[in-house]
Amino acid sequence: IAKTMEMIFQYPHLQTYILLTGDIDFRPLLQTL
């Protein structure tokens, strides 16, 4: 999650995120994306 948050701000050119997980813990991350 921390790595992904870092990428959102450091690499704004990334438009699409493919997440390989089904874990509910990643829900706040998806909300941020």
PDB file of all heavy atoms in Angstrom:
ATOM      1  N   ILE A   1       0.833  -1.198   0.000  1.00  0.00           N
ATOM      2  CA  ILE A   1       0.000   0.000   0.000  1.00  0.00           C
ATOM      3  C   ILE A   1       0.872   1.254   0.000  1.00  0.00           C
ATOM      4  O   ILE A   1       0.632   2.212  -0.755  1.00  0.00           O
ATOM      5  CB  ILE A   1      -0.951   0.002   1.215  1.00  0.00           C
ATOM      6  CG1 ILE A   1      -2.021  -1.084   1.039  1.00  0.00           C
ATOM      7  CG2 ILE A   1      -1.609   1.368   1.389  1.00  0.00           C
ATOM      8  CD1 ILE A   1      -2.861  -1.329   2.268  1.00  0.00           C
ATOM      9  N   ALA A   2       1.914   1.249   0.849  1.00  0.00           N
ATOM     10  CA  ALA A   2       2.806   2.407   0.921  1.00  0.00           C
ATOM     11  C   ALA A   2       3.518   2.639  -0.405  1.00  0.00           C
ATOM     12  O   ALA A   2       3.670   3.781  -0.858  1.00  0.00           O
ATOM     13  CB  ALA A   2       3.828   2.201   2.042  1.00  0.00           C
ATOM     14  N   LYS A   3       3.933   1.564  -1.054  1.00  0.00           N
ATOM     15  CA  LYS A   3       4.614   1.679  -2.349  1.00  0.00           C
ATOM     16  C   LYS A   3       3.666   2.261  -3.407  1.00  0.00           C
ATOM     17  O   LYS A   3       4.066   3.111  -4.221  1.00  0.00           O
ATOM     18  CB  LYS A   3       5.109   0.297  -2.783  1.00  0.00           C
ATOM     19  CG  LYS A   3       5.988   0.304  -4.021  1.00  0.00           C
ATOM     20  CD  LYS A   3       7.333   0.929  -3.742  1.00  0.00           C
ATOM     21  CE  LYS A   3       8.264   0.806  -4.941  1.00  0.00           C
ATOM     22  NZ  LYS A   3       9.585   1.407  -4.689  1.00  0.00           N
ATOM     23  N   THR A   4       2.423   1.816  -3.376  1.00  0.00           N
ATOM     24  CA  THR A   4       1.445   2.310  -4.346  1.00  0.00           C
ATOM     25  C   THR A   4       1.150   3.793  -4.121  1.00  0.00           C
ATOM     26  O   THR A   4       1.071   4.577  -5.075  1.00  0.00           O
ATOM     27  CB  THR A   4       0.140   1.504  -4.251  1.00  0.00           C
ATOM     28  OG1 THR A   4       0.432   0.103  -4.365  1.00  0.00           O
ATOM     29  CG2 THR A   4      -0.823   1.911  -5.356  1.00  0.00           C
ATOM     30  N   MET A   5       1.003   4.182  -2.863  1.00  0.00           N
ATOM     31  CA  MET A   5       0.767   5.592  -2.551  1.00  0.00           C
ATOM     32  C   MET A   5       1.917   6.456  -3.039  1.00  0.00           C
ATOM     33  O   MET A   5       1.717   7.555  -3.569  1.00  0.00           O
ATOM     34  CB  MET A   5       0.582   5.754  -1.041  1.00  0.00           C
ATOM     35  CG  MET A   5      -0.689   5.130  -0.489  1.00  0.00           C
ATOM     36  SD  MET A   5      -2.180   5.958  -1.072  1.00  0.00           S
ATOM     37  CE  MET A   5      -2.000   7.546  -0.268  1.00  0.00           C
ATOM     38  N   GLU A   6       3.113   5.953  -2.881  1.00  0.00           N
ATOM     39  CA  GLU A   6       4.296   6.672  -3.361  1.00  0.00           C
ATOM     40  C   GLU A   6       4.241   6.847  -4.879  1.00  0.00           C
ATOM     41  O   GLU A   6       4.550   7.918  -5.409  1.00  0.00           O
ATOM     42  CB  GLU A   6       5.538   5.884  -2.958  1.00  0.00           C
ATOM     43  CG  GLU A   6       6.849   6.455  -3.424  1.00  0.00           C
ATOM     44  CD  GLU A   6       8.021   5.569  -3.028  1.00  0.00           C
ATOM     45  OE1 GLU A   6       8.225   5.368  -1.823  1.00  0.00           O
ATOM     46  OE2 GLU A   6       8.711   5.064  -3.934  1.00  0.00           O
ATOM     47  N   MET A   7       3.806   5.820  -5.567  1.00  0.00           N
ATOM     48  CA  MET A   7       3.738   5.868  -7.029  1.00  0.00           C
ATOM     49  C   MET A   7       2.695   6.868  -7.508  1.00  0.00           C
ATOM     50  O   MET A   7       2.872   7.516  -8.543  1.00  0.00           O
ATOM     51  CB  MET A   7       3.439   4.466  -7.581  1.00  0.00           C
ATOM     52  CG  MET A   7       4.565   3.468  -7.351  1.00  0.00           C
ATOM     53  SD  MET A   7       4.085   1.761  -7.730  1.00  0.00           S
ATOM     54  CE  MET A   7       3.851   1.863  -9.497  1.00  0.00           C
ATOM     55  N   ILE A   8       1.586   7.008  -6.785  1.00  0.00           N
ATOM     56  CA  ILE A   8       0.533   7.939  -7.190  1.00  0.00           C
ATOM     57  C   ILE A   8       1.089   9.350  -7.335  1.00  0.00           C
ATOM     58  O   ILE A   8       0.763  10.069  -8.297  1.00  0.00           O
ATOM     59  CB  ILE A   8      -0.623   7.928  -6.165  1.00  0.00           C
ATOM     60  CG1 ILE A   8      -1.351   6.584  -6.203  1.00  0.00           C
ATOM     61  CG2 ILE A   8      -1.601   9.072  -6.449  1.00  0.00           C
ATOM     62  CD1 ILE A   8      -2.404   6.428  -5.124  1.00  0.00           C
ATOM     63  N   PHE A   9       1.945   9.742  -6.406  1.00  0.00           N
ATOM     64  CA  PHE A   9       2.454  11.111  -6.396  1.00  0.00           C
ATOM     65  C   PHE A   9       3.761  11.265  -7.180  1.00  0.00           C
ATOM     66  O   PHE A   9       4.004  12.313  -7.779  1.00  0.00           O
ATOM     67  CB  PHE A   9       2.639  11.581  -4.954  1.00  0.00           C
ATOM     68  CG  PHE A   9       1.356  11.665  -4.185  1.00  0.00           C
ATOM     69  CD1 PHE A   9       0.984  10.656  -3.305  1.00  0.00           C
ATOM     70  CD2 PHE A   9       0.496  12.736  -4.373  1.00  0.00           C
ATOM     71  CE1 PHE A   9      -0.213  10.728  -2.612  1.00  0.00           C
ATOM     72  CE2 PHE A   9      -0.709  12.810  -3.686  1.00  0.00           C
ATOM     73  CZ  PHE A   9      -1.073  11.807  -2.798  1.00  0.00           C
ATOM     74  N   GLN A  10       4.589  10.245  -7.181  1.00  0.00           N
ATOM     75  CA  GLN A  10       5.867  10.344  -7.888  1.00  0.00           C
ATOM     76  C   GLN A  10       5.722  10.091  -9.382  1.00  0.00           C
ATOM     77  O   GLN A  10       6.505  10.610 -10.180  1.00  0.00           O
ATOM     78  CB  GLN A  10       6.888   9.361  -7.293  1.00  0.00           C
ATOM     79  CG  GLN A  10       7.404   9.761  -5.929  1.00  0.00           C
ATOM     80  CD  GLN A  10       8.610   8.951  -5.517  1.00  0.00           C
ATOM     81  OE1 GLN A  10       8.926   7.918  -6.105  1.00  0.00           O
ATOM     82  NE2 GLN A  10       9.297   9.408  -4.485  1.00  0.00           N
ATOM     83  N   TYR A  11       4.731   9.280  -9.760  1.00  0.00           N
ATOM     84  CA  TYR A  11       4.562   8.917 -11.165  1.00  0.00           C
ATOM     85  C   TYR A  11       3.120   9.194 -11.604  1.00  0.00           C
ATOM     86  O   TYR A  11       2.342   8.268 -11.848  1.00  0.00           O
ATOM     87  CB  TYR A  11       4.915   7.453 -11.386  1.00  0.00           C
ATOM     88  CG  TYR A  11       6.254   7.059 -10.805  1.00  0.00           C
ATOM     89  CD1 TYR A  11       6.334   6.161  -9.736  1.00  0.00           C
ATOM     90  CD2 TYR A  11       7.436   7.611 -11.300  1.00  0.00           C
ATOM     91  CE1 TYR A  11       7.557   5.818  -9.191  1.00  0.00           C
ATOM     92  CE2 TYR A  11       8.661   7.268 -10.752  1.00  0.00           C
ATOM     93  CZ  TYR A  11       8.712   6.377  -9.701  1.00  0.00           C
ATOM     94  OH  TYR A  11       9.931   6.041  -9.152  1.00  0.00           O
ATOM     95  N   PRO A  12       2.751  10.474 -11.708  1.00  0.00           N
ATOM     96  CA  PRO A  12       1.365  10.813 -12.070  1.00  0.00           C
ATOM     97  C   PRO A  12       0.975  10.360 -13.469  1.00  0.00           C
ATOM     98  O   PRO A  12      -0.209  10.343 -13.808  1.00  0.00           O
ATOM     99  CB  PRO A  12       1.347  12.350 -11.958  1.00  0.00           C
ATOM    100  CG  PRO A  12       2.783  12.770 -12.113  1.00  0.00           C
ATOM    101  CD  PRO A  12       3.583  11.666 -11.491  1.00  0.00           C
ATOM    102  N   HIS A  13       1.962   9.985 -14.314  1.00  0.00           N
ATOM    103  CA  HIS A  13       1.643   9.533 -15.665  1.00  0.00           C
ATOM    104  C   HIS A  13       1.019   8.140 -15.671  1.00  0.00           C
ATOM    105  O   HIS A  13       0.494   7.706 -16.697  1.00  0.00           O
ATOM    106  CB  HIS A  13       2.916   9.519 -16.531  1.00  0.00           C
ATOM    107  CG  HIS A  13       3.951   8.540 -16.074  1.00  0.00           C
ATOM    108  ND1 HIS A  13       4.762   8.772 -14.977  1.00  0.00           N
ATOM    109  CD2 HIS A  13       4.294   7.315 -16.545  1.00  0.00           C
ATOM    110  CE1 HIS A  13       5.569   7.739 -14.806  1.00  0.00           C
ATOM    111  NE2 HIS A  13       5.301   6.841 -15.738  1.00  0.00           N
ATOM    112  N   LEU A  14       1.065   7.436 -14.542  1.00  0.00           N
ATOM    113  CA  LEU A  14       0.447   6.109 -14.464  1.00  0.00           C
ATOM    114  C   LEU A  14      -1.070   6.283 -14.349  1.00  0.00           C
ATOM    115  O   LEU A  14      -1.569   6.824 -13.370  1.00  0.00           O
ATOM    116  CB  LEU A  14       0.981   5.337 -13.264  1.00  0.00           C
ATOM    117  CG  LEU A  14       2.468   4.978 -13.303  1.00  0.00           C
ATOM    118  CD1 LEU A  14       2.910   4.356 -11.985  1.00  0.00           C
ATOM    119  CD2 LEU A  14       2.750   4.020 -14.458  1.00  0.00           C
ATOM    120  N   GLN A  15      -1.795   5.821 -15.369  1.00  0.00           N
ATOM    121  CA  GLN A  15      -3.249   6.001 -15.378  1.00  0.00           C
ATOM    122  C   GLN A  15      -4.012   4.759 -14.930  1.00  0.00           C
ATOM    123  O   GLN A  15      -5.133   4.847 -14.442  1.00  0.00           O
ATOM    124  CB  GLN A  15      -3.724   6.389 -16.786  1.00  0.00           C
ATOM    125  CG  GLN A  15      -3.135   7.694 -17.287  1.00  0.00           C
ATOM    126  CD  GLN A  15      -2.106   7.468 -18.373  1.00  0.00           C
ATOM    127  OE1 GLN A  15      -1.536   6.398 -18.477  1.00  0.00           O
ATOM    128  NE2 GLN A  15      -1.865   8.496 -19.176  1.00  0.00           N
ATOM    129  N   THR A  16      -3.416   3.582 -15.129  1.00  0.00           N
ATOM    130  CA  THR A  16      -4.112   2.330 -14.836  1.00  0.00           C
ATOM    131  C   THR A  16      -3.308   1.489 -13.862  1.00  0.00           C
ATOM    132  O   THR A  16      -2.107   1.291 -14.055  1.00  0.00           O
ATOM    133  CB  THR A  16      -4.359   1.524 -16.129  1.00  0.00           C
ATOM    134  OG1 THR A  16      -5.129   2.321 -17.045  1.00  0.00           O
ATOM    135  CG2 THR A  16      -5.109   0.235 -15.839  1.00  0.00           C
ATOM    136  N   TYR A  17      -3.982   1.020 -12.819  1.00  0.00           N
ATOM    137  CA  TYR A  17      -3.343   0.161 -11.819  1.00  0.00           C
ATOM    138  C   TYR A  17      -4.003  -1.209 -11.845  1.00  0.00           C
ATOM    139  O   TYR A  17      -5.222  -1.327 -11.660  1.00  0.00           O
ATOM    140  CB  TYR A  17      -3.477   0.765 -10.422  1.00  0.00           C
ATOM    141  CG  TYR A  17      -2.532   1.924 -10.171  1.00  0.00           C
ATOM    142  CD1 TYR A  17      -2.781   3.171 -10.720  1.00  0.00           C
ATOM    143  CD2 TYR A  17      -1.383   1.768  -9.389  1.00  0.00           C
ATOM    144  CE1 TYR A  17      -1.919   4.241 -10.498  1.00  0.00           C
ATOM    145  CE2 TYR A  17      -0.515   2.829  -9.165  1.00  0.00           C
ATOM    146  CZ  TYR A  17      -0.792   4.057  -9.719  1.00  0.00           C
ATOM    147  OH  TYR A  17       0.062   5.109  -9.507  1.00  0.00           O
ATOM    148  N   ILE A  18      -3.188  -2.236 -12.095  1.00  0.00           N
ATOM    149  CA  ILE A  18      -3.667  -3.616 -12.034  1.00  0.00           C
ATOM    150  C   ILE A  18      -3.202  -4.192 -10.705  1.00  0.00           C
ATOM    151  O   ILE A  18      -1.998  -4.349 -10.466  1.00  0.00           O
ATOM    152  CB  ILE A  18      -3.126  -4.458 -13.200  1.00  0.00           C
ATOM    153  CG1 ILE A  18      -3.574  -3.858 -14.537  1.00  0.00           C
ATOM    154  CG2 ILE A  18      -3.588  -5.907 -13.082  1.00  0.00           C
ATOM    155  CD1 ILE A  18      -3.020  -4.583 -15.756  1.00  0.00           C
ATOM    156  N   LEU A  19      -4.149  -4.487  -9.823  1.00  0.00           N
ATOM    157  CA  LEU A  19      -3.836  -4.999  -8.486  1.00  0.00           C
ATOM    158  C   LEU A  19      -4.181  -6.474  -8.405  1.00  0.00           C
ATOM    159  O   LEU A  19      -5.316  -6.864  -8.695  1.00  0.00           O
ATOM    160  CB  LEU A  19      -4.611  -4.226  -7.427  1.00  0.00           C
ATOM    161  CG  LEU A  19      -4.314  -2.728  -7.336  1.00  0.00           C
ATOM    162  CD1 LEU A  19      -5.271  -2.052  -6.369  1.00  0.00           C
ATOM    163  CD2 LEU A  19      -2.879  -2.495  -6.899  1.00  0.00           C
ATOM    164  N   LEU A  20      -3.214  -7.282  -8.025  1.00  0.00           N
ATOM    165  CA  LEU A  20      -3.437  -8.709  -7.882  1.00  0.00           C
ATOM    166  C   LEU A  20      -3.627  -9.014  -6.401  1.00  0.00           C
ATOM    167  O   LEU A  20      -2.673  -9.261  -5.656  1.00  0.00           O
ATOM    168  CB  LEU A  20      -2.260  -9.507  -8.449  1.00  0.00           C
ATOM    169  CG  LEU A  20      -2.237  -9.650  -9.975  1.00  0.00           C
ATOM    170  CD1 LEU A  20      -1.713  -8.375 -10.627  1.00  0.00           C
ATOM    171  CD2 LEU A  20      -1.380 -10.831 -10.400  1.00  0.00           C
ATOM    172  N   THR A  21      -4.869  -8.989  -5.991  1.00  0.00           N
ATOM    173  CA  THR A  21      -5.226  -9.251  -4.598  1.00  0.00           C
ATOM    174  C   THR A  21      -6.735  -9.362  -4.507  1.00  0.00           C
ATOM    175  O   THR A  21      -7.453  -8.944  -5.428  1.00  0.00           O
ATOM    176  CB  THR A  21      -4.720  -8.130  -3.667  1.00  0.00           C
ATOM    177  OG1 THR A  21      -4.957  -8.499  -2.304  1.00  0.00           O
ATOM    178  CG2 THR A  21      -5.436  -6.820  -3.968  1.00  0.00           C
ATOM    179  N   GLY A  22      -7.204  -9.909  -3.414  1.00  0.00           N
ATOM    180  CA  GLY A  22      -8.631  -9.901  -3.116  1.00  0.00           C
ATOM    181  C   GLY A  22      -8.844  -9.525  -1.670  1.00  0.00           C
ATOM    182  O   GLY A  22      -9.932  -9.689  -1.126  1.00  0.00           O
ATOM    183  N   ASP A  23      -7.793  -8.994  -1.055  1.00  0.00           N
ATOM    184  CA  ASP A  23      -7.756  -8.710   0.381  1.00  0.00           C
ATOM    185  C   ASP A  23      -8.492  -7.407   0.696  1.00  0.00           C
ATOM    186  O   ASP A  23      -8.206  -6.363   0.106  1.00  0.00           O
ATOM    187  CB  ASP A  23      -6.298  -8.616   0.832  1.00  0.00           C
ATOM    188  CG  ASP A  23      -6.149  -8.723   2.340  1.00  0.00           C
ATOM    189  OD1 ASP A  23      -7.058  -8.267   3.063  1.00  0.00           O
ATOM    190  OD2 ASP A  23      -5.114  -9.246   2.795  1.00  0.00           O
ATOM    191  N   ILE A  24      -9.403  -7.455   1.667  1.00  0.00           N
ATOM    192  CA  ILE A  24     -10.163  -6.285   2.077  1.00  0.00           C
ATOM    193  C   ILE A  24      -9.267  -5.171   2.599  1.00  0.00           C
ATOM    194  O   ILE A  24      -9.647  -3.983   2.569  1.00  0.00           O
ATOM    195  CB  ILE A  24     -11.203  -6.683   3.151  1.00  0.00           C
ATOM    196  CG1 ILE A  24     -12.140  -5.508   3.483  1.00  0.00           C
ATOM    197  CG2 ILE A  24     -10.516  -7.189   4.403  1.00  0.00           C
ATOM    198  CD1 ILE A  24     -12.929  -5.003   2.331  1.00  0.00           C
ATOM    199  N   ASP A  25      -8.064  -5.507   3.061  1.00  0.00           N
ATOM    200  CA  ASP A  25      -7.143  -4.495   3.589  1.00  0.00           C
ATOM    201  C   ASP A  25      -6.767  -3.456   2.529  1.00  0.00           C
ATOM    202  O   ASP A  25      -6.298  -2.368   2.872  1.00  0.00           O
ATOM    203  CB  ASP A  25      -5.865  -5.149   4.128  1.00  0.00           C
ATOM    204  CG  ASP A  25      -6.113  -5.954   5.396  1.00  0.00           C
ATOM    205  OD1 ASP A  25      -7.178  -5.746   6.026  1.00  0.00           O
ATOM    206  OD2 ASP A  25      -5.262  -6.794   5.764  1.00  0.00           O
ATOM    207  N   PHE A  26      -6.960  -3.787   1.255  1.00  0.00           N
ATOM    208  CA  PHE A  26      -6.589  -2.866   0.178  1.00  0.00           C
ATOM    209  C   PHE A  26      -7.732  -1.926  -0.217  1.00  0.00           C
ATOM    210  O   PHE A  26      -7.563  -1.095  -1.105  1.00  0.00           O
ATOM    211  CB  PHE A  26      -6.129  -3.657  -1.053  1.00  0.00           C
ATOM    212  CG  PHE A  26      -4.777  -4.286  -0.886  1.00  0.00           C
ATOM    213  CD1 PHE A  26      -4.642  -5.552  -0.354  1.00  0.00           C
ATOM    214  CD2 PHE A  26      -3.626  -3.590  -1.251  1.00  0.00           C
ATOM    215  CE1 PHE A  26      -3.395  -6.130  -0.187  1.00  0.00           C
ATOM    216  CE2 PHE A  26      -2.372  -4.164  -1.089  1.00  0.00           C
ATOM    217  CZ  PHE A  26      -2.262  -5.430  -0.553  1.00  0.00           C
ATOM    218  N   ARG A  27      -8.850  -2.017   0.468  1.00  0.00           N
ATOM    219  CA  ARG A  27      -9.986  -1.161   0.113  1.00  0.00           C
ATOM    220  C   ARG A  27      -9.650   0.327   0.239  1.00  0.00           C
ATOM    221  O   ARG A  27      -9.971   1.107  -0.679  1.00  0.00           O
ATOM    222  CB  ARG A  27     -11.196  -1.513   0.972  1.00  0.00           C
ATOM    223  CG  ARG A  27     -12.411  -0.660   0.660  1.00  0.00           C
ATOM    224  CD  ARG A  27     -13.641  -1.141   1.390  1.00  0.00           C
ATOM    225  NE  ARG A  27     -14.773  -0.239   1.173  1.00  0.00           N
ATOM    226  CZ  ARG A  27     -16.009  -0.481   1.565  1.00  0.00           C
ATOM    227  NH1 ARG A  27     -16.296  -1.611   2.183  1.00  0.00           N
ATOM    228  NH2 ARG A  27     -16.970   0.380   1.335  1.00  0.00           N
ATOM    229  N   PRO A  28      -9.014   0.794   1.332  1.00  0.00           N
ATOM    230  CA  PRO A  28      -8.669   2.227   1.402  1.00  0.00           C
ATOM    231  C   PRO A  28      -7.750   2.667   0.258  1.00  0.00           C
ATOM    232  O   PRO A  28      -7.854   3.799  -0.221  1.00  0.00           O
ATOM    233  CB  PRO A  28      -7.957   2.352   2.761  1.00  0.00           C
ATOM    234  CG  PRO A  28      -8.494   1.209   3.573  1.00  0.00           C
ATOM    235  CD  PRO A  28      -8.672   0.094   2.591  1.00  0.00           C
ATOM    236  N   LEU A  29      -6.878   1.761  -0.194  1.00  0.00           N
ATOM    237  CA  LEU A  29      -5.992   2.088  -1.310  1.00  0.00           C
ATOM    238  C   LEU A  29      -6.804   2.299  -2.586  1.00  0.00           C
ATOM    239  O   LEU A  29      -6.559   3.252  -3.340  1.00  0.00           O
ATOM    240  CB  LEU A  29      -4.962   0.981  -1.513  1.00  0.00           C
ATOM    241  CG  LEU A  29      -4.043   1.152  -2.726  1.00  0.00           C
ATOM    242  CD1 LEU A  29      -3.198   2.415  -2.583  1.00  0.00           C
ATOM    243  CD2 LEU A  29      -3.148  -0.068  -2.900  1.00  0.00           C
ATOM    244  N   LEU A  30      -7.765   1.432  -2.835  1.00  0.00           N
ATOM    245  CA  LEU A  30      -8.602   1.582  -4.027  1.00  0.00           C
ATOM    246  C   LEU A  30      -9.414   2.875  -3.968  1.00  0.00           C
ATOM    247  O   LEU A  30      -9.609   3.539  -4.998  1.00  0.00           O
ATOM    248  CB  LEU A  30      -9.533   0.378  -4.182  1.00  0.00           C
ATOM    249  CG  LEU A  30      -8.990  -0.765  -5.070  1.00  0.00           C
ATOM    250  CD1 LEU A  30      -7.736  -1.376  -4.471  1.00  0.00           C
ATOM    251  CD2 LEU A  30     -10.046  -1.843  -5.298  1.00  0.00           C
ATOM    252  N   GLN A  31      -9.859   3.240  -2.779  1.00  0.00           N
ATOM    253  CA  GLN A  31     -10.589   4.496  -2.631  1.00  0.00           C
ATOM    254  C   GLN A  31      -9.694   5.686  -2.981  1.00  0.00           C
ATOM    255  O   GLN A  31     -10.134   6.635  -3.635  1.00  0.00           O
ATOM    256  CB  GLN A  31     -11.108   4.624  -1.197  1.00  0.00           C
ATOM    257  CG  GLN A  31     -12.215   3.623  -0.857  1.00  0.00           C
ATOM    258  CD  GLN A  31     -12.622   3.685   0.595  1.00  0.00           C
ATOM    259  OE1 GLN A  31     -11.759   3.694   1.485  1.00  0.00           O
ATOM    260  NE2 GLN A  31     -13.914   3.746   0.865  1.00  0.00           N
ATOM    261  N   THR A  32      -8.442   5.615  -2.544  1.00  0.00           N
ATOM    262  CA  THR A  32      -7.489   6.689  -2.848  1.00  0.00           C
ATOM    263  C   THR A  32      -7.206   6.760  -4.341  1.00  0.00           C
ATOM    264  O   THR A  32      -7.163   7.849  -4.928  1.00  0.00           O
ATOM    265  CB  THR A  32      -6.171   6.475  -2.081  1.00  0.00           C
ATOM    266  OG1 THR A  32      -6.441   6.463  -0.667  1.00  0.00           O
ATOM    267  CG2 THR A  32      -5.169   7.581  -2.391  1.00  0.00           C
ATOM    268  N   LEU A  33      -7.015   5.614  -4.977  1.00  0.00           N
ATOM    269  CA  LEU A  33      -6.784   5.589  -6.420  1.00  0.00           C
ATOM    270  C   LEU A  33      -7.971   6.195  -7.169  1.00  0.00           C
ATOM    271  O   LEU A  33      -7.800   6.934  -8.140  1.00  0.00           O
ATOM    272  CB  LEU A  33      -6.538   4.153  -6.888  1.00  0.00           C
ATOM    273  CG  LEU A  33      -5.195   3.526  -6.491  1.00  0.00           C
ATOM    274  CD1 LEU A  33      -5.208   2.024  -6.763  1.00  0.00           C
ATOM    275  CD2 LEU A  33      -4.047   4.184  -7.244  1.00  0.00           C
TER     276      LEU A  33
END
